[in-house]
Each structure stands twice: as C-alpha cells, then as structure tokens.
Amino acid sequence: MLTRVLPSAALALLMAVPAAAQAPDVIHLFDGKQFTEHFYSWLVDDHLADPDRVFTVVDNVDGAPAIRISGQKWGGITTRKEYETYHLVVEFRWGNLTWGNRKDRARDSGVLVHAQGRDGNTGKDFNGPWMHSIEAQIIEGGVGDFILVAGTAEDGSKLVPRMTATTLRDRTGELYYDPNGVAMEHSSGQRINWWGRDADWADKLGFVGVADVEGHGSEWTRLEVIVEKDRITNIVNGRVVNVGTRPSLSKGKIMIQSEGAELYVRRVDLYPVAKR
C-alpha cells in the first residue's frame, strides 16, 4: 500500500478556505422537503421522466430528510439554472443498494460542475447520462478526484473540457494532485486523483484506502467544491484534496449523478466565494 502525506502547501491552502457556515446569502438547493424547485431529473432512455422513482425525498435518514438517489438507472438531477462562481457544499452517504454492472464494484456517483450543452450530450445521440462538464468524483476510495467529461455539440462536434493541475505519478503510473508537482493541462477522459488515493485502489464494493478522508459505509461525508474563475478546489471533510486551475469551462449547471449505487444527500447548499 502506498500512502502520502498532504504537502504543506495544500495545508496552507486549506487554512485559506473559509468555513461555509460563516458565509452569507446561502442558496439551499435542497430545502429538506423537495428538490424540484432547483433541480430536474435526467435519465438514460427515460430522459425527463422518472417512472422508477430513482430520485425521491425520504423523511428520515439518521434523523433528517434527504434526497434518495437509488442508482438503479444512470443519469442525475441537474440544476435549472447555470452558476459561475460559488462554494458548493454537499453532504452525502451511501445506501445499501448497488445495481447492474456495478453491483459488486465500488459505490460510484459524482458532482458535475460547469455542465453545459444539451441534456445527455455524453452520448452522441443525446441519450447519455451526463453533460460536458468537470466532475468532482464521488466513489469509494476516490472522493475528490477530478474527471474531465467530454460531450457532443448540437452539430455533432466533440466538446472537450480542459484544466491544468500540478501532479505527480504514483508507482502504478496514475496521476495524483500535488501542489509541488508538475503543472500539466489535462483534457477529456483524464482523471486527476486526489492526493491520497491509494495506489492499490481496486474497483470493488466497500473499498477503503489507507489514507482516505471520506466517510465509509453509512458515515456521512461533506464534499465542498469551490468554483472560482481560474480555480476549482475540492475539499473532503475539511481537507483540501485536489485543485485544478485554468478550467476551459467558466459556467454551467450542477448535476448530482445516479451511477449504480444508492446515495443519500441531506445537504446541497451554494454560498458566495469568500475573497482570499
């Protein structure tokens, strides 16, 4: 097993990040009762319909209401509005159900930011599950990874997101974030691992990495995504885990994925970005 210690530069960045609870003018994208004021649902094949109730609100999960995403079908809930700069706070935990080809694999979801274009544009026929975007990954052992998600434009051309990150390679050749690493531009299909992702990560149900900072099983995890004009910062349970700069996308919708695993989300809040 390979473990890494968070570099001092990343610790300094964490100290510069304000506590979300202290920021004014919060937008509650989930108010504890319903999410449809701010979100609509999208599913492969069903599109704007949800006949299997993949997305619902449950009254009591560990004492509070939550959005339940069953994971049975691939898609997500997408904000009706586009956003440009913000401090997003999402609190989630896993359920027990897994589905299809991910039944025995690591529980998987994600938060897409700067999602642009037509719904379903990750499929050439616009029947894909996602949109052209930058993903803050939610997967067992990899919460806080970045994934650059390509899409398709109305004219059929490929939409390719790009972002710069300072990275090193682990002993398996995987790229991971390090503030003292080599600055490289990354493009669609590439994943930028968070700094502590286990080099022995395996796509198996219940995977736990030796340096994980996320909650496991039914434990809650707080994922924060600070989106600025020239920087996107992922924070997991109060620790900076990944930073990207110079993103090619500057605004867009926010999408929370349904990707084969049951997920409960009790908080989705937007705060203004505090000045550094």
C-alpha atoms as a PDB file:
ATOM      1  CA  MET A   1       0.000   0.000   0.000  1.00  0.00           C
ATOM      2  CA  LEU A   2       1.269   3.481  -0.829  1.00  0.00           C
ATOM      3  CA  THR A   3       0.406   6.352   1.472  1.00  0.00           C
ATOM      4  CA  ARG A   4       1.117  10.025   1.041  1.00  0.00           C
ATOM      5  CA  VAL A   5       1.135  12.940   3.453  1.00  0.00           C
ATOM      6  CA  LEU A   6      -0.661  16.113   2.406  1.00  0.00           C
ATOM      7  CA  PRO A   7       2.036  18.606   1.354  1.00  0.00           C
ATOM      8  CA  SER A   8       2.453  21.781   3.389  1.00  0.00           C
ATOM      9  CA  ALA A   9       1.329  23.983   0.501  1.00  0.00           C
ATOM     10  CA  ALA A  10      -2.024  22.210   0.445  1.00  0.00           C
ATOM     11  CA  LEU A  11      -2.337  22.657   4.200  1.00  0.00           C
ATOM     12  CA  ALA A  12      -1.773  26.376   3.712  1.00  0.00           C
ATOM     13  CA  LEU A  13      -4.497  26.430   1.075  1.00  0.00           C
ATOM     14  CA  LEU A  14      -6.878  24.693   3.461  1.00  0.00           C
ATOM     15  CA  MET A  15      -6.256  27.378   6.073  1.00  0.00           C
ATOM     16  CA  ALA A  16      -7.225  29.990   3.459  1.00  0.00           C
ATOM     17  CA  VAL A  17     -10.582  28.346   2.738  1.00  0.00           C
ATOM     18  CA  PRO A  18     -13.398  29.925   4.789  1.00  0.00           C
ATOM     19  CA  ALA A  19     -15.891  27.830   6.721  1.00  0.00           C
ATOM     20  CA  ALA A  20     -19.060  27.503   4.651  1.00  0.00           C
ATOM     21  CA  ALA A  21     -21.266  28.013   7.696  1.00  0.00           C
ATOM     22  CA  GLN A  22     -19.928  31.554   8.108  1.00  0.00           C
ATOM     23  CA  ALA A  23     -20.748  32.707   4.580  1.00  0.00           C
ATOM     24  CA  PRO A  24     -23.907  34.805   3.957  1.00  0.00           C
ATOM     25  CA  ASP A  25     -26.598  34.546   1.297  1.00  0.00           C
ATOM     26  CA  VAL A  26     -26.811  30.781   1.094  1.00  0.00           C
ATOM     27  CA  ILE A  27     -28.984  29.159  -1.589  1.00  0.00           C
ATOM     28  CA  HIS A  28     -30.467  25.900  -0.312  1.00  0.00           C
ATOM     29  CA  LEU A  29     -30.809  23.778  -3.447  1.00  0.00           C
ATOM     30  CA  PHE A  30     -32.461  21.164  -1.217  1.00  0.00           C
ATOM     31  CA  ASP A  31     -34.758  22.593   1.461  1.00  0.00           C
ATOM     32  CA  GLY A  32     -35.482  19.335   3.263  1.00  0.00           C
ATOM     33  CA  LYS A  33     -38.881  18.948   1.603  1.00  0.00           C
ATOM     34  CA  GLN A  34     -38.341  18.916  -2.154  1.00  0.00           C
ATOM     35  CA  PHE A  35     -35.602  19.476  -4.720  1.00  0.00           C
ATOM     36  CA  THR A  36     -37.644  20.158  -7.857  1.00  0.00           C
ATOM     37  CA  GLU A  37     -37.615  23.941  -7.414  1.00  0.00           C
ATOM     38  CA  HIS A  38     -33.918  23.950  -8.241  1.00  0.00           C
ATOM     39  CA  PHE A  39     -33.351  20.590  -9.982  1.00  0.00           C
ATOM     40  CA  TYR A  40     -34.892  18.496 -12.742  1.00  0.00           C
ATOM     41  CA  SER A  41     -34.154  14.822 -13.321  1.00  0.00           C
ATOM     42  CA  TRP A  42     -32.493  13.221 -16.331  1.00  0.00           C
ATOM     43  CA  LEU A  43     -32.165   9.501 -17.033  1.00  0.00           C
ATOM     44  CA  VAL A  44     -30.899   7.434 -19.948  1.00  0.00           C
ATOM     45  CA  ASP A  45     -33.885   6.394 -22.116  1.00  0.00           C
ATOM     46  CA  ASP A  46     -36.446   7.986 -19.756  1.00  0.00           C
ATOM     47  CA  HIS A  47     -34.993  11.488 -20.175  1.00  0.00           C
ATOM     48  CA  LEU A  48     -37.154  13.914 -18.149  1.00  0.00           C
ATOM     49  CA  ALA A  49     -39.425  11.157 -16.811  1.00  0.00           C
ATOM     50  CA  ASP A  50     -38.674   9.090 -13.702  1.00  0.00           C
ATOM     51  CA  PRO A  51     -41.033   6.087 -13.803  1.00  0.00           C
ATOM     52  CA  ASP A  52     -38.928   4.030 -11.369  1.00  0.00           C
ATOM     53  CA  ARG A  53     -38.622   6.842  -8.819  1.00  0.00           C
ATOM     54  CA  VAL A  54     -34.868   6.966  -8.958  1.00  0.00           C
ATOM     55  CA  PHE A  55     -34.981  10.406  -7.312  1.00  0.00           C
ATOM     56  CA  THR A  56     -37.160  10.890  -4.232  1.00  0.00           C
ATOM     57  CA  VAL A  57     -37.141  12.627  -0.861  1.00  0.00           C
ATOM     58  CA  VAL A  58     -37.191  10.497   2.282  1.00  0.00           C
ATOM     59  CA  ASP A  59     -38.269  11.932   5.621  1.00  0.00           C
ATOM     60  CA  ASN A  60     -35.717  10.438   7.952  1.00  0.00           C
ATOM     61  CA  VAL A  61     -32.161   9.357   7.283  1.00  0.00           C
ATOM     62  CA  ASP A  62     -30.179   9.487  10.514  1.00  0.00           C
ATOM     63  CA  GLY A  63     -32.687  11.981  11.908  1.00  0.00           C
ATOM     64  CA  ALA A  64     -33.073  14.331   8.933  1.00  0.00           C
ATOM     65  CA  PRO A  65     -34.683  14.379   5.473  1.00  0.00           C
ATOM     66  CA  ALA A  66     -32.564  13.551   2.442  1.00  0.00           C
ATOM     67  CA  ILE A  67     -32.708  13.165  -1.311  1.00  0.00           C
ATOM     68  CA  ARG A  68     -32.576   9.464  -2.141  1.00  0.00           C
ATOM     69  CA  ILE A  69     -30.865   8.574  -5.399  1.00  0.00           C
ATOM     70  CA  SER A  70     -31.493   4.879  -5.942  1.00  0.00           C
ATOM     71  CA  GLY A  71     -28.736   4.429  -8.530  1.00  0.00           C
ATOM     72  CA  GLN A  72     -30.943   1.977 -10.434  1.00  0.00           C
ATOM     73  CA  LYS A  73     -30.591   3.940 -13.661  1.00  0.00           C
ATOM     74  CA  TRP A  74     -27.854   6.209 -14.925  1.00  0.00           C
ATOM     75  CA  GLY A  75     -28.452   9.943 -15.025  1.00  0.00           C
ATOM     76  CA  GLY A  76     -28.766  12.615 -12.384  1.00  0.00           C
ATOM     77  CA  ILE A  77     -30.524  15.648 -11.034  1.00  0.00           C
ATOM     78  CA  THR A  78     -29.496  18.859 -12.774  1.00  0.00           C
ATOM     79  CA  THR A  79     -29.928  22.459 -11.678  1.00  0.00           C
ATOM     80  CA  ARG A  80     -32.393  24.503 -13.670  1.00  0.00           C
ATOM     81  CA  LYS A  81     -30.019  27.482 -13.580  1.00  0.00           C
ATOM     82  CA  GLU A  82     -26.397  27.918 -14.537  1.00  0.00           C
ATOM     83  CA  TYR A  83     -23.881  29.138 -11.970  1.00  0.00           C
ATOM     84  CA  GLU A  84     -20.483  30.752 -12.405  1.00  0.00           C
ATOM     85  CA  THR A  85     -18.591  31.187  -9.116  1.00  0.00           C
ATOM     86  CA  TYR A  86     -19.721  29.609  -5.865  1.00  0.00           C
ATOM     87  CA  HIS A  87     -18.873  27.472  -2.846  1.00  0.00           C
ATOM     88  CA  LEU A  88     -20.902  24.268  -3.101  1.00  0.00           C
ATOM     89  CA  VAL A  89     -21.439  22.109  -0.011  1.00  0.00           C
ATOM     90  CA  VAL A  90     -22.853  18.590  -0.448  1.00  0.00           C
ATOM     91  CA  GLU A  91     -23.326  16.134   2.421  1.00  0.00           C
ATOM     92  CA  PHE A  92     -23.951  12.528   1.419  1.00  0.00           C
ATOM     93  CA  ARG A  93     -23.697   8.925   2.490  1.00  0.00           C
ATOM     94  CA  TRP A  94     -24.074   5.604   0.736  1.00  0.00           C
ATOM     95  CA  GLY A  95     -27.118   3.363   0.916  1.00  0.00           C
ATOM     96  CA  ASN A  96     -27.061  -0.420   0.682  1.00  0.00           C
ATOM     97  CA  LEU A  97     -28.228  -0.998  -2.894  1.00  0.00           C
ATOM     98  CA  THR A  98     -25.995  -1.428  -5.930  1.00  0.00           C
ATOM     99  CA  TRP A  99     -27.116  -2.250  -9.456  1.00  0.00           C
ATOM    100  CA  GLY A 100     -26.228  -3.790 -12.785  1.00  0.00           C
ATOM    101  CA  ASN A 101     -22.595  -3.924 -13.829  1.00  0.00           C
ATOM    102  CA  ARG A 102     -21.648  -2.005 -10.671  1.00  0.00           C
ATOM    103  CA  LYS A 103     -23.360  -4.387  -8.260  1.00  0.00           C
ATOM    104  CA  ASP A 104     -20.062  -5.724  -6.883  1.00  0.00           C
ATOM    105  CA  ARG A 105     -17.940  -2.687  -7.690  1.00  0.00           C
ATOM    106  CA  ALA A 106     -17.023   0.428  -5.735  1.00  0.00           C
ATOM    107  CA  ARG A 107     -20.048   2.596  -4.996  1.00  0.00           C
ATOM    108  CA  ASP A 108     -19.999   5.419  -7.512  1.00  0.00           C
ATOM    109  CA  SER A 109     -21.546   8.845  -8.071  1.00  0.00           C
ATOM    110  CA  GLY A 110     -20.257  12.372  -8.607  1.00  0.00           C
ATOM    111  CA  VAL A 111     -20.982  16.078  -8.756  1.00  0.00           C
ATOM    112  CA  LEU A 112     -20.647  17.717 -12.156  1.00  0.00           C
ATOM    113  CA  VAL A 113     -19.911  21.435 -12.258  1.00  0.00           C
ATOM    114  CA  HIS A 114     -19.981  23.769 -15.270  1.00  0.00           C
ATOM    115  CA  ALA A 115     -22.246  21.248 -17.029  1.00  0.00           C
ATOM    116  CA  GLN A 116     -23.008  22.655 -20.469  1.00  0.00           C
ATOM    117  CA  GLY A 117     -24.959  21.880 -23.609  1.00  0.00           C
ATOM    118  CA  ARG A 118     -27.903  19.658 -24.296  1.00  0.00           C
ATOM    119  CA  ASP A 119     -29.037  17.094 -21.723  1.00  0.00           C
ATOM    120  CA  GLY A 120     -27.492  13.678 -22.301  1.00  0.00           C
ATOM    121  CA  ASN A 121     -24.724  15.045 -24.505  1.00  0.00           C
ATOM    122  CA  THR A 122     -22.173  12.491 -23.297  1.00  0.00           C
ATOM    123  CA  GLY A 123     -23.936  10.251 -25.807  1.00  0.00           C
ATOM    124  CA  LYS A 124     -23.687  11.109 -29.493  1.00  0.00           C
ATOM    125  CA  ASP A 125     -27.430  10.532 -29.743  1.00  0.00           C
ATOM    126  CA  PHE A 126     -28.029  12.767 -26.695  1.00  0.00           C
ATOM    127  CA  ASN A 127     -29.205   9.738 -24.749  1.00  0.00           C
ATOM    128  CA  GLY A 128     -26.162   9.677 -22.493  1.00  0.00           C
ATOM    129  CA  PRO A 129     -26.321  10.043 -18.715  1.00  0.00           C
ATOM    130  CA  TRP A 130     -24.250  13.213 -18.280  1.00  0.00           C
ATOM    131  CA  MET A 131     -23.265  16.543 -19.815  1.00  0.00           C
ATOM    132  CA  HIS A 132     -19.995  18.136 -20.933  1.00  0.00           C
ATOM    133  CA  SER A 133     -18.551  19.186 -17.569  1.00  0.00           C
ATOM    134  CA  ILE A 134     -15.891  18.890 -14.880  1.00  0.00           C
ATOM    135  CA  GLU A 135     -16.640  16.200 -12.316  1.00  0.00           C
ATOM    136  CA  ALA A 136     -15.818  16.156  -8.628  1.00  0.00           C
ATOM    137  CA  GLN A 137     -15.770  12.398  -8.235  1.00  0.00           C
ATOM    138  CA  ILE A 138     -17.697  10.523  -5.544  1.00  0.00           C
ATOM    139  CA  ILE A 139     -16.517   6.910  -5.467  1.00  0.00           C
ATOM    140  CA  GLU A 140     -15.351   4.669  -2.662  1.00  0.00           C
ATOM    141  CA  GLY A 141     -11.676   5.483  -2.166  1.00  0.00           C
ATOM    142  CA  GLY A 142     -11.700   8.331  -4.681  1.00  0.00           C
ATOM    143  CA  VAL A 143     -13.927  11.110  -3.352  1.00  0.00           C
ATOM    144  CA  GLY A 144     -12.428  14.363  -4.619  1.00  0.00           C
ATOM    145  CA  ASP A 145     -10.847  13.096  -7.834  1.00  0.00           C
ATOM    146  CA  PHE A 146     -11.391  15.257 -10.906  1.00  0.00           C
ATOM    147  CA  ILE A 147     -12.739  13.745 -14.120  1.00  0.00           C
ATOM    148  CA  LEU A 148     -12.983  15.807 -17.307  1.00  0.00           C
ATOM    149  CA  VAL A 149     -16.214  14.785 -19.009  1.00  0.00           C
ATOM    150  CA  ALA A 150     -16.455  15.238 -22.782  1.00  0.00           C
ATOM    151  CA  GLY A 151     -19.714  15.841 -24.605  1.00  0.00           C
ATOM    152  CA  THR A 152     -21.228  16.358 -28.029  1.00  0.00           C
ATOM    153  CA  ALA A 153     -22.368  19.671 -29.523  1.00  0.00           C
ATOM    154  CA  GLU A 154     -25.592  20.086 -31.483  1.00  0.00           C
ATOM    155  CA  ASP A 155     -23.600  19.992 -34.730  1.00  0.00           C
ATOM    156  CA  GLY A 156     -22.013  16.673 -33.752  1.00  0.00           C
ATOM    157  CA  SER A 157     -18.590  18.063 -32.899  1.00  0.00           C
ATOM    158  CA  LYS A 158     -16.867  16.931 -29.720  1.00  0.00           C
ATOM    159  CA  LEU A 159     -16.873  19.164 -26.649  1.00  0.00           C
ATOM    160  CA  VAL A 160     -13.569  18.732 -24.824  1.00  0.00           C
ATOM    161  CA  PRO A 161     -13.039  20.202 -21.343  1.00  0.00           C
ATOM    162  CA  ARG A 162      -9.531  21.115 -20.196  1.00  0.00           C
ATOM    163  CA  MET A 163      -7.981  22.031 -16.884  1.00  0.00           C
ATOM    164  CA  THR A 164      -4.464  22.435 -15.502  1.00  0.00           C
ATOM    165  CA  ALA A 165      -3.299  20.671 -12.342  1.00  0.00           C
ATOM    166  CA  THR A 166       0.030  20.123 -10.622  1.00  0.00           C
ATOM    167  CA  THR A 167       0.523  16.369 -10.493  1.00  0.00           C
ATOM    168  CA  LEU A 168       2.941  13.540  -9.826  1.00  0.00           C
ATOM    169  CA  ARG A 169       2.655   9.856 -10.718  1.00  0.00           C
ATOM    170  CA  ASP A 170       2.266   7.060  -8.207  1.00  0.00           C
ATOM    171  CA  ARG A 171       4.088   3.734  -8.591  1.00  0.00           C
ATOM    172  CA  THR A 172       1.328   2.459 -10.907  1.00  0.00           C
ATOM    173  CA  GLY A 173       1.600   5.484 -13.199  1.00  0.00           C
ATOM    174  CA  GLU A 174      -1.626   7.151 -12.027  1.00  0.00           C
ATOM    175  CA  LEU A 175      -1.620  10.949 -11.834  1.00  0.00           C
ATOM    176  CA  TYR A 176      -2.414  12.469  -8.446  1.00  0.00           C
ATOM    177  CA  TYR A 177      -2.624  16.061  -7.262  1.00  0.00           C
ATOM    178  CA  ASP A 178       0.420  17.527  -5.524  1.00  0.00           C
ATOM    179  CA  PRO A 179       0.845  21.304  -5.121  1.00  0.00           C
ATOM    180  CA  ASN A 180       4.572  20.842  -5.727  1.00  0.00           C
ATOM    181  CA  GLY A 181       4.057  18.637  -8.765  1.00  0.00           C
ATOM    182  CA  VAL A 182       4.413  19.361 -12.468  1.00  0.00           C
ATOM    183  CA  ALA A 183       1.823  21.715 -13.954  1.00  0.00           C
ATOM    184  CA  MET A 184       0.089  19.954 -16.834  1.00  0.00           C
ATOM    185  CA  GLU A 185      -3.026  20.607 -18.880  1.00  0.00           C
ATOM    186  CA  HIS A 186      -5.447  17.692 -18.752  1.00  0.00           C
ATOM    187  CA  SER A 187      -8.317  17.034 -21.158  1.00  0.00           C
ATOM    188  CA  SER A 188     -11.394  14.874 -21.619  1.00  0.00           C
ATOM    189  CA  GLY A 189     -11.366  11.363 -20.262  1.00  0.00           C
ATOM    190  CA  GLN A 190      -8.481  12.034 -17.911  1.00  0.00           C
ATOM    191  CA  ARG A 191      -8.789  11.590 -14.164  1.00  0.00           C
ATOM    192  CA  ILE A 192      -6.749  13.615 -11.700  1.00  0.00           C
ATOM    193  CA  ASN A 193      -6.648  11.606  -8.493  1.00  0.00           C
ATOM    194  CA  TRP A 194      -6.880  13.286  -5.116  1.00  0.00           C
ATOM    195  CA  TRP A 195      -3.533  13.421  -3.313  1.00  0.00           C
ATOM    196  CA  GLY A 196      -4.161  10.409  -1.021  1.00  0.00           C
ATOM    197  CA  ARG A 197      -5.826   7.972  -3.408  1.00  0.00           C
ATOM    198  CA  ASP A 198      -4.493   4.509  -2.665  1.00  0.00           C
ATOM    199  CA  ALA A 199      -2.137   3.240  -5.366  1.00  0.00           C
ATOM    200  CA  ASP A 200      -3.658  -0.179  -4.718  1.00  0.00           C
ATOM    201  CA  TRP A 201      -7.201   1.082  -5.306  1.00  0.00           C
ATOM    202  CA  ALA A 202      -9.469  -1.629  -6.685  1.00  0.00           C
ATOM    203  CA  ASP A 203     -12.912  -1.265  -8.222  1.00  0.00           C
ATOM    204  CA  LYS A 204     -14.600  -3.471  -5.630  1.00  0.00           C
ATOM    205  CA  LEU A 205     -17.552  -2.904  -3.338  1.00  0.00           C
ATOM    206  CA  GLY A 206     -16.622  -1.366   0.005  1.00  0.00           C
ATOM    207  CA  PHE A 207     -13.063  -0.418  -0.938  1.00  0.00           C
ATOM    208  CA  VAL A 208     -11.237   1.530   1.798  1.00  0.00           C
ATOM    209  CA  GLY A 209      -7.918   3.247   1.126  1.00  0.00           C
ATOM    210  CA  VAL A 210      -5.303   3.605   3.846  1.00  0.00           C
ATOM    211  CA  ALA A 211      -5.256   7.418   3.607  1.00  0.00           C
ATOM    212  CA  ASP A 212      -8.967   8.020   2.916  1.00  0.00           C
ATOM    213  CA  VAL A 213     -10.531  11.126   4.434  1.00  0.00           C
ATOM    214  CA  GLU A 214     -14.077  10.329   3.240  1.00  0.00           C
ATOM    215  CA  GLY A 215     -16.679   8.603   5.381  1.00  0.00           C
ATOM    216  CA  HIS A 216     -17.177   4.885   4.793  1.00  0.00           C
ATOM    217  CA  GLY A 217     -20.318   2.791   4.623  1.00  0.00           C
ATOM    218  CA  SER A 218     -23.153   4.697   6.268  1.00  0.00           C
ATOM    219  CA  GLU A 219     -20.909   7.518   7.538  1.00  0.00           C
ATOM    220  CA  TRP A 220     -21.635  10.991   6.192  1.00  0.00           C
ATOM    221  CA  THR A 221     -19.133  12.820   4.003  1.00  0.00           C
ATOM    222  CA  ARG A 222     -19.008  16.538   3.330  1.00  0.00           C
ATOM    223  CA  LEU A 223     -17.786  17.405  -0.154  1.00  0.00           C
ATOM    224  CA  GLU A 224     -17.109  21.069  -0.892  1.00  0.00           C
ATOM    225  CA  VAL A 225     -16.373  22.338  -4.373  1.00  0.00           C
ATOM    226  CA  ILE A 226     -15.141  25.924  -4.513  1.00  0.00           C
ATOM    227  CA  VAL A 227     -15.586  27.174  -8.059  1.00  0.00           C
ATOM    228  CA  GLU A 228     -13.739  30.357  -8.966  1.00  0.00           C
ATOM    229  CA  LYS A 229     -12.989  31.939 -12.313  1.00  0.00           C
ATOM    230  CA  ASP A 230      -9.499  30.445 -12.534  1.00  0.00           C
ATOM    231  CA  ARG A 231      -9.587  27.640  -9.973  1.00  0.00           C
ATOM    232  CA  ILE A 232     -11.684  24.704  -8.743  1.00  0.00           C
ATOM    233  CA  THR A 233     -10.902  23.294  -5.298  1.00  0.00           C
ATOM    234  CA  ASN A 234     -12.237  20.008  -3.895  1.00  0.00           C
ATOM    235  CA  ILE A 235     -12.438  19.658  -0.112  1.00  0.00           C
ATOM    236  CA  VAL A 236     -13.449  16.427   1.636  1.00  0.00           C
ATOM    237  CA  ASN A 237     -14.375  16.508   5.312  1.00  0.00           C
ATOM    238  CA  GLY A 238     -12.499  19.769   5.760  1.00  0.00           C
ATOM    239  CA  ARG A 239      -9.309  18.800   3.926  1.00  0.00           C
ATOM    240  CA  VAL A 240      -8.212  20.123   0.546  1.00  0.00           C
ATOM    241  CA  VAL A 241      -7.718  17.053  -1.646  1.00  0.00           C
ATOM    242  CA  ASN A 242      -7.500  18.419  -5.201  1.00  0.00           C
ATOM    243  CA  VAL A 243      -7.043  21.713  -7.034  1.00  0.00           C
ATOM    244  CA  GLY A 244      -7.428  22.489 -10.719  1.00  0.00           C
ATOM    245  CA  THR A 245      -6.651  25.785 -12.435  1.00  0.00           C
ATOM    246  CA  ARG A 246      -7.420  27.441 -15.764  1.00  0.00           C
ATOM    247  CA  PRO A 247     -10.572  25.407 -16.470  1.00  0.00           C
ATOM    248  CA  SER A 248     -11.801  25.773 -20.040  1.00  0.00           C
ATOM    249  CA  LEU A 249     -15.395  25.960 -18.763  1.00  0.00           C
ATOM    250  CA  SER A 250     -16.426  29.089 -16.893  1.00  0.00           C
ATOM    251  CA  LYS A 251     -20.080  28.489 -16.007  1.00  0.00           C
ATOM    252  CA  GLY A 252     -22.802  25.895 -16.233  1.00  0.00           C
ATOM    253  CA  LYS A 253     -25.277  23.728 -14.407  1.00  0.00           C
ATOM    254  CA  ILE A 254     -24.611  21.464 -11.426  1.00  0.00           C
ATOM    255  CA  MET A 255     -25.515  17.779 -11.649  1.00  0.00           C
ATOM    256  CA  ILE A 256     -25.512  15.032  -8.997  1.00  0.00           C
ATOM    257  CA  GLN A 257     -25.149  11.630 -10.611  1.00  0.00           C
ATOM    258  CA  SER A 258     -27.065   8.379 -10.339  1.00  0.00           C
ATOM    259  CA  GLU A 259     -24.492   5.749 -11.256  1.00  0.00           C
ATOM    260  CA  GLY A 260     -25.314   2.295  -9.972  1.00  0.00           C
ATOM    261  CA  ALA A 261     -25.229   2.897  -6.211  1.00  0.00           C
ATOM    262  CA  GLU A 262     -27.825   4.113  -3.730  1.00  0.00           C
ATOM    263  CA  LEU A 263     -26.922   7.542  -2.350  1.00  0.00           C
ATOM    264  CA  TYR A 264     -28.495   9.807   0.263  1.00  0.00           C
ATOM    265  CA  VAL A 265     -27.903  13.556   0.068  1.00  0.00           C
ATOM    266  CA  ARG A 266     -29.006  15.648   3.032  1.00  0.00           C
ATOM    267  CA  ARG A 267     -27.460  18.980   2.091  1.00  0.00           C
ATOM    268  CA  VAL A 268     -26.875  20.845  -1.166  1.00  0.00           C
ATOM    269  CA  ASP A 269     -26.013  24.479  -0.451  1.00  0.00           C
ATOM    270  CA  LEU A 270     -24.468  27.255  -2.520  1.00  0.00           C
ATOM    271  CA  TYR A 271     -22.503  30.051  -0.847  1.00  0.00           C
ATOM    272  CA  PRO A 272     -20.722  33.040  -2.342  1.00  0.00           C
ATOM    273  CA  VAL A 273     -16.983  32.574  -2.754  1.00  0.00           C
ATOM    274  CA  ALA A 274     -15.182  34.387   0.059  1.00  0.00           C
ATOM    275  CA  LYS A 275     -12.411  36.730  -1.000  1.00  0.00           C
ATOM    276  CA  ARG A 276      -8.941  35.352  -0.345  1.00  0.00           C
END
